[in-house]
Amino acid sequence: QVQLVESGGGLVQPGGSLRLSCAASGTIFSTNVMAWYRQAPGKQRELVASVTSGGAIYYADSVKGRFTCSRGNAKNTVYLQMNSLKPEDTAVYYCNIMQSGRLGSWGQGTQVTVSS
């Protein structure tokens, strides 16, 4: 099964920026969707953004205009550039990959804390 490793989280002030990275290892098919999710304390995990292997991108309404999801040159990497961060963006951020109808194994995630 595909393994995911996220990095790049941290503590940032409101209005600040962070760039998250994710690398997938294992068998990666040419057709897939890589996505970012987040889970805030006491809340369900939610989809933040996704990008298909063909380049189609989706953003949740809450992050449109502030976050940018992109894939790296290597087909197994995905990034999330987060600008104009708000306290409500505080969460553990996870990435995952959907291929052949299956998700990869969830990683540890990376903590993003937006606070003054």
PDB file of N, CA and C in Angstrom:
ATOM      1  N   GLN A   1       0.842  -1.195   0.000  1.00  0.00           N
ATOM      2  CA  GLN A   1       0.000   0.000   0.000  1.00  0.00           C
ATOM      3  C   GLN A   1       0.878   1.246   0.000  1.00  0.00           C
ATOM      4  N   VAL A   2       0.372   2.311  -0.575  1.00  0.00           N
ATOM      5  CA  VAL A   2       1.145   3.538  -0.681  1.00  0.00           C
ATOM      6  C   VAL A   2       1.263   4.199   0.686  1.00  0.00           C
ATOM      7  N   GLN A   3       2.468   4.665   1.006  1.00  0.00           N
ATOM      8  CA  GLN A   3       2.735   5.380   2.251  1.00  0.00           C
ATOM      9  C   GLN A   3       2.895   6.868   1.949  1.00  0.00           C
ATOM     10  N   LEU A   4       2.417   7.702   2.868  1.00  0.00           N
ATOM     11  CA  LEU A   4       2.496   9.150   2.696  1.00  0.00           C
ATOM     12  C   LEU A   4       3.263   9.785   3.851  1.00  0.00           C
ATOM     13  N   VAL A   5       4.107  10.753   3.536  1.00  0.00           N
ATOM     14  CA  VAL A   5       4.849  11.491   4.558  1.00  0.00           C
ATOM     15  C   VAL A   5       4.677  12.983   4.292  1.00  0.00           C
ATOM     16  N   GLU A   6       4.143  13.675   5.307  1.00  0.00           N
ATOM     17  CA  GLU A   6       3.926  15.118   5.195  1.00  0.00           C
ATOM     18  C   GLU A   6       4.983  15.879   5.991  1.00  0.00           C
ATOM     19  N   SER A   7       5.268  17.108   5.554  1.00  0.00           N
ATOM     20  CA  SER A   7       6.199  17.957   6.283  1.00  0.00           C
ATOM     21  C   SER A   7       5.885  19.423   5.986  1.00  0.00           C
ATOM     22  N   GLY A   8       6.470  20.300   6.801  1.00  0.00           N
ATOM     23  CA  GLY A   8       6.363  21.729   6.534  1.00  0.00           C
ATOM     24  C   GLY A   8       5.455  22.510   7.458  1.00  0.00           C
ATOM     25  N   GLY A   9       4.794  21.830   8.385  1.00  0.00           N
ATOM     26  CA  GLY A   9       3.918  22.544   9.307  1.00  0.00           C
ATOM     27  C   GLY A   9       4.699  23.364  10.317  1.00  0.00           C
ATOM     28  N   GLY A  10       3.958  24.100  11.130  1.00  0.00           N
ATOM     29  CA  GLY A  10       4.605  24.901  12.160  1.00  0.00           C
ATOM     30  C   GLY A  10       3.640  25.905  12.751  1.00  0.00           C
ATOM     31  N   LEU A  11       4.229  26.821  13.536  1.00  0.00           N
ATOM     32  CA  LEU A  11       3.469  27.890  14.168  1.00  0.00           C
ATOM     33  C   LEU A  11       3.674  29.164  13.360  1.00  0.00           C
ATOM     34  N   VAL A  12       2.590  29.814  13.011  1.00  0.00           N
ATOM     35  CA  VAL A  12       2.669  31.028  12.206  1.00  0.00           C
ATOM     36  C   VAL A  12       1.617  32.016  12.699  1.00  0.00           C
ATOM     37  N   GLN A  13       1.908  33.292  12.553  1.00  0.00           N
ATOM     38  CA  GLN A  13       0.959  34.320  12.963  1.00  0.00           C
ATOM     39  C   GLN A  13      -0.139  34.470  11.917  1.00  0.00           C
ATOM     40  N   PRO A  14      -1.295  34.957  12.327  1.00  0.00           N
ATOM     41  CA  PRO A  14      -2.359  35.226  11.340  1.00  0.00           C
ATOM     42  C   PRO A  14      -1.838  36.121  10.215  1.00  0.00           C
ATOM     43  N   GLY A  15      -2.202  35.766   8.991  1.00  0.00           N
ATOM     44  CA  GLY A  15      -1.716  36.484   7.832  1.00  0.00           C
ATOM     45  C   GLY A  15      -0.441  35.920   7.245  1.00  0.00           C
ATOM     46  N   GLY A  16       0.176  35.012   7.953  1.00  0.00           N
ATOM     47  CA  GLY A  16       1.433  34.427   7.504  1.00  0.00           C
ATOM     48  C   GLY A  16       1.242  33.324   6.474  1.00  0.00           C
ATOM     49  N   SER A  17       2.356  32.706   6.106  1.00  0.00           N
ATOM     50  CA  SER A  17       2.352  31.669   5.069  1.00  0.00           C
ATOM     51  C   SER A  17       3.142  30.447   5.514  1.00  0.00           C
ATOM     52  N   LEU A  18       2.756  29.323   4.968  1.00  0.00           N
ATOM     53  CA  LEU A  18       3.495  28.071   5.142  1.00  0.00           C
ATOM     54  C   LEU A  18       3.382  27.270   3.851  1.00  0.00           C
ATOM     55  N   ARG A  19       4.359  26.419   3.608  1.00  0.00           N
ATOM     56  CA  ARG A  19       4.316  25.524   2.457  1.00  0.00           C
ATOM     57  C   ARG A  19       4.483  24.095   2.948  1.00  0.00           C
ATOM     58  N   LEU A  20       3.459  23.299   2.706  1.00  0.00           N
ATOM     59  CA  LEU A  20       3.480  21.898   3.090  1.00  0.00           C
ATOM     60  C   LEU A  20       3.937  21.038   1.914  1.00  0.00           C
ATOM     61  N   SER A  21       4.647  19.966   2.244  1.00  0.00           N
ATOM     62  CA  SER A  21       5.100  19.025   1.226  1.00  0.00           C
ATOM     63  C   SER A  21       4.633  17.629   1.585  1.00  0.00           C
ATOM     64  N   CYS A  22       4.450  16.830   0.573  1.00  0.00           N
ATOM     65  CA  CYS A  22       4.026  15.443   0.769  1.00  0.00           C
ATOM     66  C   CYS A  22       4.692  14.568  -0.271  1.00  0.00           C
ATOM     67  N   ALA A  23       5.205  13.441   0.188  1.00  0.00           N
ATOM     68  CA  ALA A  23       5.800  12.471  -0.713  1.00  0.00           C
ATOM     69  C   ALA A  23       5.133  11.121  -0.512  1.00  0.00           C
ATOM     70  N   ALA A  24       4.777  10.498  -1.602  1.00  0.00           N
ATOM     71  CA  ALA A  24       4.172   9.169  -1.565  1.00  0.00           C
ATOM     72  C   ALA A  24       5.202   8.140  -2.009  1.00  0.00           C
ATOM     73  N   SER A  25       5.205   7.003  -1.346  1.00  0.00           N
ATOM     74  CA  SER A  25       6.118   5.922  -1.734  1.00  0.00           C
ATOM     75  C   SER A  25       5.318   4.644  -1.929  1.00  0.00           C
ATOM     76  N   GLY A  26       5.850   3.788  -2.792  1.00  0.00           N
ATOM     77  CA  GLY A  26       5.141   2.566  -3.122  1.00  0.00           C
ATOM     78  C   GLY A  26       4.801   2.575  -4.602  1.00  0.00           C
ATOM     79  N   THR A  27       3.818   1.790  -4.958  1.00  0.00           N
ATOM     80  CA  THR A  27       3.417   1.715  -6.353  1.00  0.00           C
ATOM     81  C   THR A  27       2.491   2.879  -6.688  1.00  0.00           C
ATOM     82  N   ILE A  28       2.962   3.765  -7.545  1.00  0.00           N
ATOM     83  CA  ILE A  28       2.200   4.931  -7.949  1.00  0.00           C
ATOM     84  C   ILE A  28       1.793   4.758  -9.410  1.00  0.00           C
ATOM     85  N   PHE A  29       0.500   4.784  -9.665  1.00  0.00           N
ATOM     86  CA  PHE A  29       0.006   4.656 -11.031  1.00  0.00           C
ATOM     87  C   PHE A  29       0.011   6.013 -11.728  1.00  0.00           C
ATOM     88  N   SER A  30      -0.005   5.986 -13.035  1.00  0.00           N
ATOM     89  CA  SER A  30       0.050   7.235 -13.785  1.00  0.00           C
ATOM     90  C   SER A  30      -1.231   8.057 -13.626  1.00  0.00           C
ATOM     91  N   THR A  31      -2.327   7.403 -13.334  1.00  0.00           N
ATOM     92  CA  THR A  31      -3.600   8.104 -13.121  1.00  0.00           C
ATOM     93  C   THR A  31      -3.939   8.069 -11.640  1.00  0.00           C
ATOM     94  N   ASN A  32      -4.007   9.231 -11.035  1.00  0.00           N
ATOM     95  CA  ASN A  32      -4.321   9.284  -9.610  1.00  0.00           C
ATOM     96  C   ASN A  32      -4.762  10.689  -9.227  1.00  0.00           C
ATOM     97  N   VAL A  33      -5.202  10.814  -8.017  1.00  0.00           N
ATOM     98  CA  VAL A  33      -5.540  12.126  -7.439  1.00  0.00           C
ATOM     99  C   VAL A  33      -4.790  12.242  -6.128  1.00  0.00           C
ATOM    100  N   MET A  34      -4.032  13.318  -5.961  1.00  0.00           N
ATOM    101  CA  MET A  34      -3.378  13.574  -4.685  1.00  0.00           C
ATOM    102  C   MET A  34      -4.124  14.719  -4.006  1.00  0.00           C
ATOM    103  N   ALA A  35      -4.306  14.588  -2.708  1.00  0.00           N
ATOM    104  CA  ALA A  35      -5.157  15.549  -2.014  1.00  0.00           C
ATOM    105  C   ALA A  35      -4.606  15.891  -0.640  1.00  0.00           C
ATOM    106  N   TRP A  36      -4.996  17.063  -0.168  1.00  0.00           N
ATOM    107  CA  TRP A  36      -4.697  17.514   1.184  1.00  0.00           C
ATOM    108  C   TRP A  36      -6.002  17.537   1.980  1.00  0.00           C
ATOM    109  N   TYR A  37      -5.896  17.038   3.207  1.00  0.00           N
ATOM    110  CA  TYR A  37      -7.002  17.055   4.156  1.00  0.00           C
ATOM    111  C   TYR A  37      -6.522  17.729   5.431  1.00  0.00           C
ATOM    112  N   ARG A  38      -7.450  18.105   6.271  1.00  0.00           N
ATOM    113  CA  ARG A  38      -7.073  18.630   7.584  1.00  0.00           C
ATOM    114  C   ARG A  38      -8.106  18.204   8.613  1.00  0.00           C
ATOM    115  N   GLN A  39      -7.623  18.116   9.838  1.00  0.00           N
ATOM    116  CA  GLN A  39      -8.501  17.757  10.944  1.00  0.00           C
ATOM    117  C   GLN A  39      -8.190  18.639  12.134  1.00  0.00           C
ATOM    118  N   ALA A  40      -9.156  19.454  12.487  1.00  0.00           N
ATOM    119  CA  ALA A  40      -9.021  20.318  13.660  1.00  0.00           C
ATOM    120  C   ALA A  40      -9.530  19.569  14.890  1.00  0.00           C
ATOM    121  N   PRO A  41      -9.088  19.971  16.077  1.00  0.00           N
ATOM    122  CA  PRO A  41      -9.534  19.288  17.297  1.00  0.00           C
ATOM    123  C   PRO A  41     -11.045  19.254  17.411  1.00  0.00           C
ATOM    124  N   GLY A  42     -11.579  18.071  17.655  1.00  0.00           N
ATOM    125  CA  GLY A  42     -13.011  17.923  17.831  1.00  0.00           C
ATOM    126  C   GLY A  42     -13.822  17.943  16.554  1.00  0.00           C
ATOM    127  N   LYS A  43     -13.142  17.986  15.407  1.00  0.00           N
ATOM    128  CA  LYS A  43     -13.862  18.046  14.132  1.00  0.00           C
ATOM    129  C   LYS A  43     -13.475  16.858  13.250  1.00  0.00           C
ATOM    130  N   GLN A  44     -14.300  16.610  12.250  1.00  0.00           N
ATOM    131  CA  GLN A  44     -14.002  15.546  11.303  1.00  0.00           C
ATOM    132  C   GLN A  44     -12.945  16.002  10.304  1.00  0.00           C
ATOM    133  N   ARG A  45     -12.243  15.040   9.761  1.00  0.00           N
ATOM    134  CA  ARG A  45     -11.263  15.334   8.725  1.00  0.00           C
ATOM    135  C   ARG A  45     -12.007  15.861   7.502  1.00  0.00           C
ATOM    136  N   GLU A  46     -11.461  16.921   6.891  1.00  0.00           N
ATOM    137  CA  GLU A  46     -12.113  17.504   5.729  1.00  0.00           C
ATOM    138  C   GLU A  46     -11.122  17.654   4.585  1.00  0.00           C
ATOM    139  N   LEU A  47     -11.668  17.593   3.376  1.00  0.00           N
ATOM    140  CA  LEU A  47     -10.858  17.780   2.183  1.00  0.00           C
ATOM    141  C   LEU A  47     -10.578  19.262   1.984  1.00  0.00           C
ATOM    142  N   VAL A  48      -9.320  19.586   1.783  1.00  0.00           N
ATOM    143  CA  VAL A  48      -8.908  20.973   1.596  1.00  0.00           C
ATOM    144  C   VAL A  48      -8.673  21.278   0.120  1.00  0.00           C
ATOM    145  N   ALA A  49      -7.927  20.420  -0.548  1.00  0.00           N
ATOM    146  CA  ALA A  49      -7.591  20.643  -1.955  1.00  0.00           C
ATOM    147  C   ALA A  49      -7.134  19.326  -2.565  1.00  0.00           C
ATOM    148  N   SER A  50      -7.276  19.235  -3.876  1.00  0.00           N
ATOM    149  CA  SER A  50      -6.813  18.037  -4.571  1.00  0.00           C
ATOM    150  C   SER A  50      -6.350  18.408  -5.973  1.00  0.00           C
ATOM    151  N   VAL A  51      -5.502  17.552  -6.523  1.00  0.00           N
ATOM    152  CA  VAL A  51      -5.016  17.757  -7.881  1.00  0.00           C
ATOM    153  C   VAL A  51      -4.905  16.400  -8.557  1.00  0.00           C
ATOM    154  N   THR A  52      -5.460  16.301  -9.739  1.00  0.00           N
ATOM    155  CA  THR A  52      -5.401  15.044 -10.476  1.00  0.00           C
ATOM    156  C   THR A  52      -4.077  14.941 -11.225  1.00  0.00           C
ATOM    157  N   SER A  53      -3.776  13.764 -11.700  1.00  0.00           N
ATOM    158  CA  SER A  53      -2.573  13.567 -12.502  1.00  0.00           C
ATOM    159  C   SER A  53      -2.663  14.346 -13.812  1.00  0.00           C
ATOM    160  N   GLY A  54      -3.879  14.718 -14.202  1.00  0.00           N
ATOM    161  CA  GLY A  54      -4.064  15.523 -15.404  1.00  0.00           C
ATOM    162  C   GLY A  54      -4.016  17.016 -15.147  1.00  0.00           C
ATOM    163  N   GLY A  55      -3.905  17.400 -13.876  1.00  0.00           N
ATOM    164  CA  GLY A  55      -3.752  18.809 -13.539  1.00  0.00           C
ATOM    165  C   GLY A  55      -5.011  19.521 -13.089  1.00  0.00           C
ATOM    166  N   ALA A  56      -6.129  18.836 -13.004  1.00  0.00           N
ATOM    167  CA  ALA A  56      -7.354  19.476 -12.524  1.00  0.00           C
ATOM    168  C   ALA A  56      -7.255  19.667 -11.010  1.00  0.00           C
ATOM    169  N   ILE A  57      -7.644  20.843 -10.544  1.00  0.00           N
ATOM    170  CA  ILE A  57      -7.473  21.188  -9.132  1.00  0.00           C
ATOM    171  C   ILE A  57      -8.819  21.559  -8.519  1.00  0.00           C
ATOM    172  N   TYR A  58      -8.999  21.110  -7.293  1.00  0.00           N
ATOM    173  CA  TYR A  58     -10.192  21.448  -6.515  1.00  0.00           C
ATOM    174  C   TYR A  58      -9.753  22.115  -5.213  1.00  0.00           C
ATOM    175  N   TYR A  59     -10.518  23.126  -4.800  1.00  0.00           N
ATOM    176  CA  TYR A  59     -10.289  23.764  -3.500  1.00  0.00           C
ATOM    177  C   TYR A  59     -11.601  23.832  -2.732  1.00  0.00           C
ATOM    178  N   ALA A  60     -11.528  23.606  -1.447  1.00  0.00           N
ATOM    179  CA  ALA A  60     -12.669  23.864  -0.581  1.00  0.00           C
ATOM    180  C   ALA A  60     -12.922  25.368  -0.565  1.00  0.00           C
ATOM    181  N   ASP A  61     -14.166  25.747  -0.413  1.00  0.00           N
ATOM    182  CA  ASP A  61     -14.516  27.170  -0.421  1.00  0.00           C
ATOM    183  C   ASP A  61     -13.747  27.954   0.643  1.00  0.00           C
ATOM    184  N   SER A  62     -13.480  27.316   1.752  1.00  0.00           N
ATOM    185  CA  SER A  62     -12.834  28.004   2.874  1.00  0.00           C
ATOM    186  C   SER A  62     -11.395  28.407   2.583  1.00  0.00           C
ATOM    187  N   VAL A  63     -10.780  27.819   1.559  1.00  0.00           N
ATOM    188  CA  VAL A  63      -9.370  28.124   1.283  1.00  0.00           C
ATOM    189  C   VAL A  63      -9.153  28.725  -0.103  1.00  0.00           C
ATOM    190  N   LYS A  64     -10.198  28.837  -0.892  1.00  0.00           N
ATOM    191  CA  LYS A  64     -10.056  29.396  -2.243  1.00  0.00           C
ATOM    192  C   LYS A  64      -9.450  30.785  -2.191  1.00  0.00           C
ATOM    193  N   GLY A  65      -8.497  31.021  -3.058  1.00  0.00           N
ATOM    194  CA  GLY A  65      -7.855  32.325  -3.126  1.00  0.00           C
ATOM    195  C   GLY A  65      -6.706  32.494  -2.149  1.00  0.00           C
ATOM    196  N   ARG A  66      -6.562  31.552  -1.217  1.00  0.00           N
ATOM    197  CA  ARG A  66      -5.491  31.642  -0.223  1.00  0.00           C
ATOM    198  C   ARG A  66      -4.503  30.487  -0.335  1.00  0.00           C
ATOM    199  N   PHE A  67      -4.982  29.316  -0.675  1.00  0.00           N
ATOM    200  CA  PHE A  67      -4.136  28.125  -0.770  1.00  0.00           C
ATOM    201  C   PHE A  67      -3.923  27.753  -2.233  1.00  0.00           C
ATOM    202  N   THR A  68      -2.739  27.213  -2.517  1.00  0.00           N
ATOM    203  CA  THR A  68      -2.434  26.716  -3.857  1.00  0.00           C
ATOM    204  C   THR A  68      -1.881  25.306  -3.755  1.00  0.00           C
ATOM    205  N   CYS A  69      -2.538  24.395  -4.439  1.00  0.00           N
ATOM    206  CA  CYS A  69      -2.131  22.985  -4.460  1.00  0.00           C
ATOM    207  C   CYS A  69      -1.417  22.714  -5.778  1.00  0.00           C
ATOM    208  N   SER A  70      -0.276  22.058  -5.712  1.00  0.00           N
ATOM    209  CA  SER A  70       0.469  21.774  -6.932  1.00  0.00           C
ATOM    210  C   SER A  70       1.206  20.457  -6.802  1.00  0.00           C
ATOM    211  N   ARG A  71       1.531  19.889  -7.939  1.00  0.00           N
ATOM    212  CA  ARG A  71       2.298  18.647  -7.948  1.00  0.00           C
ATOM    213  C   ARG A  71       3.739  18.963  -8.320  1.00  0.00           C
ATOM    214  N   GLY A  72       4.653  18.174  -7.768  1.00  0.00           N
ATOM    215  CA  GLY A  72       6.044  18.332  -8.089  1.00  0.00           C
ATOM    216  C   GLY A  72       6.381  17.660  -9.408  1.00  0.00           C
ATOM    217  N   ASN A  73       7.623  17.837  -9.827  1.00  0.00           N
ATOM    218  CA  ASN A  73       8.067  17.191 -11.058  1.00  0.00           C
ATOM    219  C   ASN A  73       8.022  15.667 -10.937  1.00  0.00           C
ATOM    220  N   ALA A  74       8.296  15.184  -9.755  1.00  0.00           N
ATOM    221  CA  ALA A  74       8.151  13.752  -9.483  1.00  0.00           C
ATOM    222  C   ALA A  74       6.672  13.466  -9.271  1.00  0.00           C
ATOM    223  N   LYS A  75       6.158  12.427  -9.885  1.00  0.00           N
ATOM    224  CA  LYS A  75       4.721  12.167  -9.863  1.00  0.00           C
ATOM    225  C   LYS A  75       4.212  11.796  -8.479  1.00  0.00           C
ATOM    226  N   ASN A  76       5.132  11.610  -7.530  1.00  0.00           N
ATOM    227  CA  ASN A  76       4.695  11.182  -6.210  1.00  0.00           C
ATOM    228  C   ASN A  76       4.722  12.297  -5.166  1.00  0.00           C
ATOM    229  N   THR A  77       4.849  13.557  -5.594  1.00  0.00           N
ATOM    230  CA  THR A  77       4.906  14.660  -4.642  1.00  0.00           C
ATOM    231  C   THR A  77       3.785  15.667  -4.880  1.00  0.00           C
ATOM    232  N   VAL A  78       3.339  16.267  -3.786  1.00  0.00           N
ATOM    233  CA  VAL A  78       2.312  17.303  -3.874  1.00  0.00           C
ATOM    234  C   VAL A  78       2.613  18.343  -2.808  1.00  0.00           C
ATOM    235  N   TYR A  79       2.277  19.582  -3.106  1.00  0.00           N
ATOM    236  CA  TYR A  79       2.562  20.690  -2.213  1.00  0.00           C
ATOM    237  C   TYR A  79       1.280  21.471  -1.933  1.00  0.00           C
ATOM    238  N   LEU A  80       1.292  22.167  -0.809  1.00  0.00           N
ATOM    239  CA  LEU A  80       0.191  23.064  -0.471  1.00  0.00           C
ATOM    240  C   LEU A  80       0.787  24.371   0.030  1.00  0.00           C
ATOM    241  N   GLN A  81       0.714  25.398  -0.797  1.00  0.00           N
ATOM    242  CA  GLN A  81       1.158  26.726  -0.398  1.00  0.00           C
ATOM    243  C   GLN A  81      -0.019  27.413   0.269  1.00  0.00           C
ATOM    244  N   MET A  82       0.183  27.805   1.519  1.00  0.00           N
ATOM    245  CA  MET A  82      -0.898  28.410   2.294  1.00  0.00           C
ATOM    246  C   MET A  82      -0.536  29.850   2.629  1.00  0.00           C
ATOM    247  N   ASN A  83      -1.303  30.775   2.125  1.00  0.00           N
ATOM    248  CA  ASN A  83      -1.086  32.200   2.378  1.00  0.00           C
ATOM    249  C   ASN A  83      -2.264  32.780   3.157  1.00  0.00           C
ATOM    250  N   SER A  84      -2.058  33.957   3.713  1.00  0.00           N
ATOM    251  CA  SER A  84      -3.124  34.647   4.461  1.00  0.00           C
ATOM    252  C   SER A  84      -3.781  33.701   5.465  1.00  0.00           C
ATOM    253  N   LEU A  85      -2.954  33.023   6.219  1.00  0.00           N
ATOM    254  CA  LEU A  85      -3.478  32.026   7.151  1.00  0.00           C
ATOM    255  C   LEU A  85      -4.313  32.668   8.247  1.00  0.00           C
ATOM    256  N   LYS A  86      -5.348  31.920   8.652  1.00  0.00           N
ATOM    257  CA  LYS A  86      -6.270  32.376   9.685  1.00  0.00           C
ATOM    258  C   LYS A  86      -6.236  31.401  10.867  1.00  0.00           C
ATOM    259  N   PRO A  87      -6.617  31.826  12.039  1.00  0.00           N
ATOM    260  CA  PRO A  87      -6.657  30.902  13.189  1.00  0.00           C
ATOM    261  C   PRO A  87      -7.507  29.658  12.895  1.00  0.00           C
ATOM    262  N   GLU A  88      -8.555  29.809  12.117  1.00  0.00           N
ATOM    263  CA  GLU A  88      -9.410  28.662  11.799  1.00  0.00           C
ATOM    264  C   GLU A  88      -8.749  27.660  10.848  1.00  0.00           C
ATOM    265  N   ASP A  89      -7.579  27.985  10.340  1.00  0.00           N
ATOM    266  CA  ASP A  89      -6.818  27.024   9.535  1.00  0.00           C
ATOM    267  C   ASP A  89      -6.006  26.073  10.416  1.00  0.00           C
ATOM    268  N   THR A  90      -5.980  26.335  11.710  1.00  0.00           N
ATOM    269  CA  THR A  90      -5.243  25.481  12.632  1.00  0.00           C
ATOM    270  C   THR A  90      -5.797  24.062  12.603  1.00  0.00           C
ATOM    271  N   ALA A  91      -4.918  23.098  12.339  1.00  0.00           N
ATOM    272  CA  ALA A  91      -5.334  21.699  12.209  1.00  0.00           C
ATOM    273  C   ALA A  91      -4.095  20.847  11.948  1.00  0.00           C
ATOM    274  N   VAL A  92      -4.282  19.541  12.001  1.00  0.00           N
ATOM    275  CA  VAL A  92      -3.278  18.616  11.482  1.00  0.00           C
ATOM    276  C   VAL A  92      -3.613  18.397  10.008  1.00  0.00           C
ATOM    277  N   TYR A  93      -2.622  18.605   9.164  1.00  0.00           N
ATOM    278  CA  TYR A  93      -2.809  18.468   7.725  1.00  0.00           C
ATOM    279  C   TYR A  93      -2.236  17.130   7.254  1.00  0.00           C
ATOM    280  N   TYR A  94      -3.025  16.431   6.465  1.00  0.00           N
ATOM    281  CA  TYR A  94      -2.641  15.138   5.917  1.00  0.00           C
ATOM    282  C   TYR A  94      -2.731  15.178   4.399  1.00  0.00           C
ATOM    283  N   CYS A  95      -1.913  14.377   3.756  1.00  0.00           N
ATOM    284  CA  CYS A  95      -2.118  14.177   2.324  1.00  0.00           C
ATOM    285  C   CYS A  95      -2.452  12.714   2.081  1.00  0.00           C
ATOM    286  N   ASN A  96      -3.018  12.456   0.938  1.00  0.00           N
ATOM    287  CA  ASN A  96      -3.285  11.088   0.551  1.00  0.00           C
ATOM    288  C   ASN A  96      -3.387  11.019  -0.961  1.00  0.00           C
ATOM    289  N   ILE A  97      -3.399   9.801  -1.471  1.00  0.00           N
ATOM    290  CA  ILE A  97      -3.475   9.564  -2.897  1.00  0.00           C
ATOM    291  C   ILE A  97      -4.589   8.564  -3.169  1.00  0.00           C
ATOM    292  N   MET A  98      -5.407   8.877  -4.161  1.00  0.00           N
ATOM    293  CA  MET A  98      -6.476   7.984  -4.569  1.00  0.00           C
ATOM    294  C   MET A  98      -6.115   7.421  -5.946  1.00  0.00           C
ATOM    295  N   GLN A  99      -6.022   6.115  -6.042  1.00  0.00           N
ATOM    296  CA  GLN A  99      -5.760   5.470  -7.312  1.00  0.00           C
ATOM    297  C   GLN A  99      -6.414   4.100  -7.331  1.00  0.00           C
ATOM    298  N   SER A 100      -6.977   3.779  -8.466  1.00  0.00           N
ATOM    299  CA  SER A 100      -7.704   2.514  -8.625  1.00  0.00           C
ATOM    300  C   SER A 100      -8.745   2.343  -7.531  1.00  0.00           C
ATOM    301  N   GLY A 101      -9.367   3.445  -7.147  1.00  0.00           N
ATOM    302  CA  GLY A 101     -10.443   3.390  -6.168  1.00  0.00           C
ATOM    303  C   GLY A 101      -9.999   3.180  -4.733  1.00  0.00           C
ATOM    304  N   ARG A 102      -8.717   3.300  -4.472  1.00  0.00           N
ATOM    305  CA  ARG A 102      -8.217   3.061  -3.118  1.00  0.00           C
ATOM    306  C   ARG A 102      -7.363   4.236  -2.637  1.00  0.00           C
ATOM    307  N   LEU A 103      -7.477   4.520  -1.325  1.00  0.00           N
ATOM    308  CA  LEU A 103      -6.630   5.514  -0.699  1.00  0.00           C
ATOM    309  C   LEU A 103      -5.375   4.850  -0.164  1.00  0.00           C
ATOM    310  N   GLY A 104      -4.309   5.639  -0.060  1.00  0.00           N
ATOM    311  CA  GLY A 104      -3.095   5.149   0.572  1.00  0.00           C
ATOM    312  C   GLY A 104      -3.242   5.105   2.079  1.00  0.00           C
ATOM    313  N   SER A 105      -2.185   4.694   2.748  1.00  0.00           N
ATOM    314  CA  SER A 105      -2.193   4.665   4.211  1.00  0.00           C
ATOM    315  C   SER A 105      -2.001   6.075   4.738  1.00  0.00           C
ATOM    316  N   TRP A 106      -2.814   6.459   5.709  1.00  0.00           N
ATOM    317  CA  TRP A 106      -2.681   7.796   6.279  1.00  0.00           C
ATOM    318  C   TRP A 106      -1.348   7.921   7.012  1.00  0.00           C
ATOM    319  N   GLY A 107      -0.675   9.053   6.801  1.00  0.00           N
ATOM    320  CA  GLY A 107       0.564   9.317   7.506  1.00  0.00           C
ATOM    321  C   GLY A 107       0.305   9.982   8.844  1.00  0.00           C
ATOM    322  N   GLN A 108       1.372  10.497   9.438  1.00  0.00           N
ATOM    323  CA  GLN A 108       1.274  11.157  10.752  1.00  0.00           C
ATOM    324  C   GLN A 108       0.665  12.549  10.647  1.00  0.00           C
ATOM    325  N   GLY A 109       0.732  13.109   9.461  1.00  0.00           N
ATOM    326  CA  GLY A 109       0.248  14.477   9.304  1.00  0.00           C
ATOM    327  C   GLY A 109       1.274  15.485   9.786  1.00  0.00           C
ATOM    328  N   THR A 110       0.985  16.748   9.542  1.00  0.00           N
ATOM    329  CA  THR A 110       1.857  17.820  10.005  1.00  0.00           C
ATOM    330  C   THR A 110       0.990  18.905  10.634  1.00  0.00           C
ATOM    331  N   GLN A 111       1.386  19.343  11.820  1.00  0.00           N
ATOM    332  CA  GLN A 111       0.578  20.298  12.584  1.00  0.00           C
ATOM    333  C   GLN A 111       0.788  21.713  12.061  1.00  0.00           C
ATOM    334  N   VAL A 112      -0.305  22.391  11.801  1.00  0.00           N
ATOM    335  CA  VAL A 112      -0.286  23.815  11.451  1.00  0.00           C
ATOM    336  C   VAL A 112      -1.046  24.560  12.530  1.00  0.00           C
ATOM    337  N   THR A 113      -0.371  25.513  13.151  1.00  0.00           N
ATOM    338  CA  THR A 113      -0.995  26.319  14.197  1.00  0.00           C
ATOM    339  C   THR A 113      -0.884  27.787  13.810  1.00  0.00           C
ATOM    340  N   VAL A 114      -2.025  28.450  13.725  1.00  0.00           N
ATOM    341  CA  VAL A 114      -2.063  29.868  13.370  1.00  0.00           C
ATOM    342  C   VAL A 114      -2.520  30.633  14.605  1.00  0.00           C
ATOM    343  N   SER A 115      -1.591  31.377  15.171  1.00  0.00           N
ATOM    344  CA  SER A 115      -1.884  32.066  16.428  1.00  0.00           C
ATOM    345  C   SER A 115      -0.934  33.231  16.618  1.00  0.00           C
ATOM    346  N   SER A 116      -1.436  34.271  17.262  1.00  0.00           N
ATOM    347  CA  SER A 116      -0.572  35.406  17.576  1.00  0.00           C
ATOM    348  C   SER A 116       0.022  35.243  18.961  1.00  0.00           C
TER     349      SER A 116
END
